[in-house]
Amino acid sequence: MALRSSVEIFDIETRTSRVVWQTEKLFEAPNWSPDGSYLMLNCDGLMYRLSPAGDADPHLVDTGFANLCNNDHGIAPDGSAIAISDKVEFGKSAIYILSAKGGAPKLVTENLPSYWHGWSPDGKRFTYCGIRNDVFDIYTIATDGSDETRLTFGEGRNDGPDYSPDGKWIYFNSSRSGRMQIWRVPAGGGTAERITNSPYGDWFPHPSPLGDKIVFVSYDGDVFDHPRDLNVRVRLMDMDGGNVETLFDLFGGQGTMNSPNWAPDGKQFAFVRYFPGA
């Protein structure tokens, strides 16, 4: 069969990428474990672990009844648990938490649909995109499902949130200025600040564990959503939006790096490249 997905790792210092694993199946959104030992990805509604060394095929993670997982998932800062977004139980995306070893998922919020995107550095809260009455906004919630906090209030479409490593900011993408751009808002609530002012549609900002850089995906400016299978750019910038550079172009988009994807040392990040016509 024709190749569909190429899981790769980009090195910040050498500005080179290497292939970890390639397959004819659609794999998405690699997360990197806090101890550096594995990548976690989704495929066909299921979750898999893959060695970043590229020395073995991925193996299945037991997620119980949750077999319609999407590409919004991540690993706890201490490596003990994983968060997934799955729609089996309600027919809409819901956020669950379960042991990193696998097991029964526990529902975090009954407010749906909700799409997980980031784990606070202290491991106590999630940030996510919640759609309420067709309005896309950024929320946080304690991992036990208490204290849901709304951070944006319908100023355009708000999506793709992720925490800064000091826990002070949540970076996200928003169409409030017209074209989708990167913004940030205090994690405890407050006034949002615009970070990018580009001719592209900027999505999925992921701050480095070192607190110095953000990696994100940029679509052509006339693309509003985040579809799959388009020519896009992976770009890097300072935390305040300065020194923006395009690292490389690729065929990808949706699934390339929807959720946190940095190596724990902040020197590399994982992503998925797709193949046209597959």
Protein backbone atom coordinates (compact mmCIF):
# COMPACT_ATOMS: atom_id res chain seq x y z
CA MET A 1 0.00 0.00 0.00
CA ALA A 2 1.02 3.62 -0.47
CA LEU A 3 2.52 5.42 2.50
CA ARG A 4 0.10 7.71 4.35
CA SER A 5 1.87 8.96 7.49
CA SER A 6 5.49 9.71 8.37
CA VAL A 7 6.17 10.27 12.08
CA GLU A 8 9.24 12.48 12.33
CA ILE A 9 11.38 14.38 14.83
CA PHE A 10 12.86 17.82 14.19
CA ASP A 11 16.07 18.89 15.92
CA ILE A 12 16.14 22.59 16.82
CA GLU A 13 19.94 22.88 16.93
CA THR A 14 20.76 21.12 13.64
CA ARG A 15 17.55 22.21 11.85
CA THR A 16 17.15 18.69 10.51
CA SER A 17 14.43 16.07 10.80
CA ARG A 18 14.59 12.29 10.95
CA VAL A 19 11.95 9.68 10.25
CA VAL A 20 10.83 7.60 13.23
CA TRP A 21 8.23 5.42 11.54
CA GLN A 22 6.15 5.36 8.37
CA THR A 23 2.87 3.59 7.66
CA GLU A 24 0.01 3.34 5.19
CA LYS A 25 -2.37 4.21 8.07
CA LEU A 26 -3.38 7.67 9.30
CA PHE A 27 -1.51 8.43 12.52
CA GLU A 28 -1.86 11.82 14.22
CA ALA A 29 -0.67 14.26 16.88
CA PRO A 30 2.43 12.84 18.60
CA ASN A 31 2.87 13.65 22.28
CA TRP A 32 6.29 13.09 23.87
CA SER A 33 6.38 11.40 27.28
CA PRO A 34 7.97 13.39 30.14
CA ASP A 35 10.71 10.79 30.55
CA GLY A 36 11.43 10.85 26.81
CA SER A 37 10.83 7.13 26.37
CA TYR A 38 7.84 7.14 24.00
CA LEU A 39 5.58 9.10 21.68
CA MET A 40 1.81 8.74 22.00
CA LEU A 41 -0.35 9.03 18.87
CA ASN A 42 -3.88 8.21 17.74
CA CYS A 43 -4.98 6.09 14.77
CA ASP A 44 -8.46 4.87 13.80
CA GLY A 45 -9.89 6.00 17.15
CA LEU A 46 -7.29 4.18 19.24
CA MET A 47 -4.16 5.29 21.11
CA TYR A 48 -0.66 3.95 20.50
CA ARG A 49 2.84 4.26 21.96
CA LEU A 50 5.82 4.52 19.66
CA SER A 51 9.54 4.56 20.48
CA PRO A 52 11.18 7.83 19.37
CA ALA A 53 14.24 5.77 18.48
CA GLY A 54 12.32 4.22 15.60
CA ASP A 55 13.37 0.73 16.65
CA ALA A 56 9.91 -0.85 16.98
CA ASP A 57 6.35 -0.69 15.68
CA PRO A 58 3.77 1.15 17.83
CA HIS A 59 1.80 -0.79 20.42
CA LEU A 60 -1.80 -0.29 21.49
CA VAL A 61 -2.76 1.54 24.70
CA ASP A 62 -5.80 0.13 26.54
CA THR A 63 -8.39 2.93 26.66
CA GLY A 64 -11.33 0.78 27.72
CA PHE A 65 -14.59 1.65 25.98
CA ALA A 66 -13.04 4.73 24.36
CA ASN A 67 -12.36 3.65 20.79
CA LEU A 68 -13.25 6.87 18.98
CA CYS A 69 -10.37 8.97 20.25
CA ASN A 70 -9.41 12.03 18.22
CA ASN A 71 -6.11 13.89 17.96
CA ASP A 72 -6.60 15.96 21.15
CA HIS A 73 -4.68 14.02 23.79
CA GLY A 74 -1.68 14.31 26.10
CA ILE A 75 0.44 12.95 28.92
CA ALA A 76 0.58 14.19 32.53
CA PRO A 77 3.74 16.11 33.51
CA ASP A 78 4.71 13.29 35.88
CA GLY A 79 3.90 10.60 33.29
CA SER A 80 1.31 8.89 35.49
CA ALA A 81 -1.83 9.57 33.45
CA ILE A 82 -3.05 10.43 29.99
CA ALA A 83 -5.89 12.63 28.79
CA ILE A 84 -7.96 11.69 25.75
CA SER A 85 -10.89 13.15 23.82
CA ASP A 86 -13.41 10.52 22.73
CA LYS A 87 -17.02 10.50 21.50
CA VAL A 88 -18.23 6.94 22.16
CA GLU A 89 -20.25 7.70 25.29
CA PHE A 90 -22.11 10.82 24.15
CA GLY A 91 -21.66 11.05 20.39
CA LYS A 92 -19.66 14.24 20.97
CA SER A 93 -16.05 14.76 21.99
CA ALA A 94 -15.63 14.39 25.75
CA ILE A 95 -12.47 14.62 27.87
CA TYR A 96 -11.34 11.64 29.93
CA ILE A 97 -8.40 10.87 32.17
CA LEU A 98 -6.91 7.42 32.71
CA SER A 99 -3.75 5.72 33.86
CA ALA A 100 -0.81 6.01 31.50
CA LYS A 101 -0.60 2.21 31.72
CA GLY A 102 -4.13 2.03 30.28
CA GLY A 103 -7.47 1.21 31.83
CA ALA A 104 -10.94 2.64 32.39
CA PRO A 105 -11.37 6.27 31.31
CA LYS A 106 -12.89 8.70 33.85
CA LEU A 107 -15.03 11.55 32.50
CA VAL A 108 -13.73 15.02 33.39
CA THR A 109 -16.59 17.32 32.29
CA GLU A 110 -20.16 16.72 31.12
CA ASN A 111 -20.11 20.02 29.22
CA LEU A 112 -19.82 18.98 25.59
CA PRO A 113 -18.31 18.95 23.12
CA SER A 114 -14.89 19.48 24.71
CA TYR A 115 -11.51 18.91 23.09
CA TRP A 116 -8.47 18.47 25.34
CA HIS A 117 -5.36 20.47 24.43
CA GLY A 118 -2.97 21.08 27.33
CA TRP A 119 -1.91 20.02 30.82
CA SER A 120 -0.80 22.62 33.37
CA PRO A 121 2.86 22.23 34.44
CA ASP A 122 1.83 21.31 38.00
CA GLY A 123 -0.45 18.56 36.66
CA LYS A 124 -3.55 19.95 38.36
CA ARG A 125 -5.52 21.43 35.45
CA PHE A 126 -6.41 20.95 31.80
CA THR A 127 -6.96 23.59 29.15
CA TYR A 128 -9.28 22.78 26.29
CA CYS A 129 -11.55 24.06 23.56
CA GLY A 130 -15.21 23.89 24.49
CA ILE A 131 -18.03 24.46 22.01
CA ARG A 132 -21.17 25.80 23.67
CA ASN A 133 -24.09 26.85 21.44
CA ASP A 134 -21.74 26.80 18.43
CA VAL A 135 -19.29 29.18 20.17
CA PHE A 136 -15.65 28.02 20.37
CA ASP A 137 -13.92 29.18 23.56
CA ILE A 138 -10.95 28.38 25.78
CA TYR A 139 -11.52 26.81 29.19
CA THR A 140 -9.54 25.32 32.04
CA ILE A 141 -10.69 22.74 34.56
CA ALA A 142 -9.22 20.77 37.46
CA THR A 143 -8.35 17.22 36.47
CA ASP A 144 -11.01 15.93 38.87
CA GLY A 145 -13.67 17.83 36.91
CA SER A 146 -14.17 20.72 39.35
CA ASP A 147 -13.71 24.45 38.91
CA GLU A 148 -14.34 24.89 35.19
CA THR A 149 -13.14 28.37 34.21
CA ARG A 150 -13.94 30.14 30.94
CA LEU A 151 -11.09 32.29 29.61
CA THR A 152 -12.49 33.62 26.30
CA PHE A 153 -15.97 34.84 25.54
CA GLY A 154 -16.92 34.37 21.93
CA GLU A 155 -14.45 36.82 20.39
CA GLY A 156 -14.22 34.89 17.14
CA ARG A 157 -13.32 31.21 17.11
CA ASN A 158 -10.87 30.25 19.88
CA ASP A 159 -9.05 26.92 19.77
CA GLY A 160 -5.79 25.02 20.28
CA PRO A 161 -4.76 26.14 23.82
CA ASP A 162 -1.52 25.09 25.52
CA TYR A 163 0.18 26.21 28.75
CA SER A 164 3.47 28.06 28.98
CA PRO A 165 6.00 26.03 31.03
CA ASP A 166 5.77 28.48 33.96
CA GLY A 167 1.99 28.02 34.04
CA LYS A 168 1.30 31.75 33.78
CA TRP A 169 -0.06 31.89 30.22
CA ILE A 170 -2.25 29.89 27.91
CA TYR A 171 -1.37 30.30 24.24
CA PHE A 172 -4.14 29.66 21.73
CA ASN A 173 -5.28 30.51 18.21
CA SER A 174 -8.16 32.88 17.57
CA SER A 175 -9.97 34.42 14.61
CA ARG A 176 -11.05 37.47 16.63
CA SER A 177 -8.91 39.74 14.45
CA GLY A 178 -10.24 38.17 11.23
CA ARG A 179 -7.59 35.68 10.14
CA MET A 180 -6.62 32.94 12.61
CA GLN A 181 -3.63 34.16 14.67
CA ILE A 182 -1.80 33.20 17.87
CA TRP A 183 -2.88 34.88 21.12
CA ARG A 184 -2.26 34.32 24.81
CA VAL A 185 -4.34 34.87 27.94
CA PRO A 186 -3.37 34.69 31.65
CA ALA A 187 -4.04 31.16 32.88
CA GLY A 188 -6.16 32.51 35.72
CA GLY A 189 -8.18 34.75 33.41
CA GLY A 190 -7.71 38.26 32.09
CA THR A 191 -7.09 40.20 28.92
CA ALA A 192 -5.87 38.32 25.85
CA GLU A 193 -2.79 39.54 24.00
CA ARG A 194 -2.12 39.07 20.30
CA ILE A 195 1.18 37.31 19.54
CA THR A 196 1.30 36.89 15.74
CA ASN A 197 0.39 39.33 13.02
CA SER A 198 1.03 37.29 9.91
CA PRO A 199 -0.48 36.78 6.45
CA TYR A 200 -1.03 33.10 7.34
CA GLY A 201 -3.64 31.21 9.32
CA ASP A 202 -1.71 30.29 12.48
CA TRP A 203 -2.76 27.25 14.55
CA PHE A 204 -1.75 25.06 17.50
CA PRO A 205 0.94 26.99 19.42
CA HIS A 206 3.09 24.76 21.61
CA PRO A 207 5.53 26.43 24.01
CA SER A 208 8.88 24.73 24.51
CA PRO A 209 9.62 23.23 27.96
CA LEU A 210 12.55 25.67 28.08
CA GLY A 211 10.17 28.61 27.96
CA ASP A 212 12.00 30.27 25.08
CA LYS A 213 10.21 29.26 21.88
CA ILE A 214 6.82 28.33 20.45
CA VAL A 215 6.29 25.99 17.52
CA PHE A 216 3.09 26.23 15.47
CA VAL A 217 1.49 25.42 12.12
CA SER A 218 0.65 28.06 9.51
CA TYR A 219 -1.86 27.59 6.69
CA ASP A 220 -2.23 29.82 3.66
CA GLY A 221 -4.08 32.97 4.65
CA ASP A 222 -7.30 32.07 2.85
CA VAL A 223 -7.70 28.78 4.80
CA PHE A 224 -9.93 29.40 7.83
CA ASP A 225 -10.20 26.00 9.47
CA HIS A 226 -7.45 23.41 10.07
CA PRO A 227 -8.02 20.78 7.36
CA ARG A 228 -5.79 17.84 6.58
CA ASP A 229 -3.72 17.29 3.44
CA LEU A 230 -2.62 20.78 2.51
CA ASN A 231 0.74 22.42 2.02
CA VAL A 232 1.49 24.15 5.33
CA ARG A 233 4.46 25.58 7.22
CA VAL A 234 5.88 24.68 10.61
CA ARG A 235 7.14 27.88 12.21
CA LEU A 236 9.07 28.87 15.33
CA MET A 237 9.04 32.10 17.33
CA ASP A 238 9.96 33.64 20.67
CA MET A 239 7.39 33.56 23.46
CA ASP A 240 6.43 37.18 22.74
CA GLY A 241 6.06 36.56 18.99
CA GLY A 242 9.47 37.88 17.98
CA ASN A 243 12.00 36.26 15.63
CA VAL A 244 9.44 34.25 13.65
CA GLU A 245 11.00 31.79 11.22
CA THR A 246 9.71 29.05 8.95
CA LEU A 247 11.48 25.81 9.83
CA PHE A 248 10.11 23.79 6.93
CA ASP A 249 7.15 23.28 4.62
CA LEU A 250 5.26 20.01 4.49
CA PHE A 251 2.10 18.31 3.30
CA GLY A 252 -0.01 18.09 6.44
CA GLY A 253 -2.17 20.31 8.65
CA GLN A 254 -4.80 18.55 10.75
CA GLY A 255 -2.97 15.81 12.65
CA THR A 256 0.53 17.21 12.11
CA MET A 257 0.83 18.49 15.68
CA ASN A 258 -2.55 19.28 17.22
CA SER A 259 -1.41 18.64 20.79
CA PRO A 260 1.81 19.16 22.86
CA ASN A 261 4.73 17.64 20.95
CA TRP A 262 8.04 18.83 22.44
CA ALA A 263 10.73 16.51 23.79
CA PRO A 264 11.22 17.03 27.54
CA ASP A 265 14.63 18.66 26.98
CA GLY A 266 13.15 21.25 24.59
CA LYS A 267 15.67 20.44 21.87
CA GLN A 268 13.37 18.47 19.57
CA PHE A 269 9.71 18.15 18.66
CA ALA A 270 7.68 15.42 16.97
CA PHE A 271 5.25 15.84 14.09
CA VAL A 272 3.48 13.88 11.36
CA ARG A 273 3.98 14.44 7.64
CA TYR A 274 1.38 13.09 5.22
CA PHE A 275 1.61 11.82 1.67
CA PRO A 276 -0.61 13.16 -1.11
CA GLY A 277 -2.79 10.72 -2.97
CA ALA A 278 -2.63 8.08 -0.27
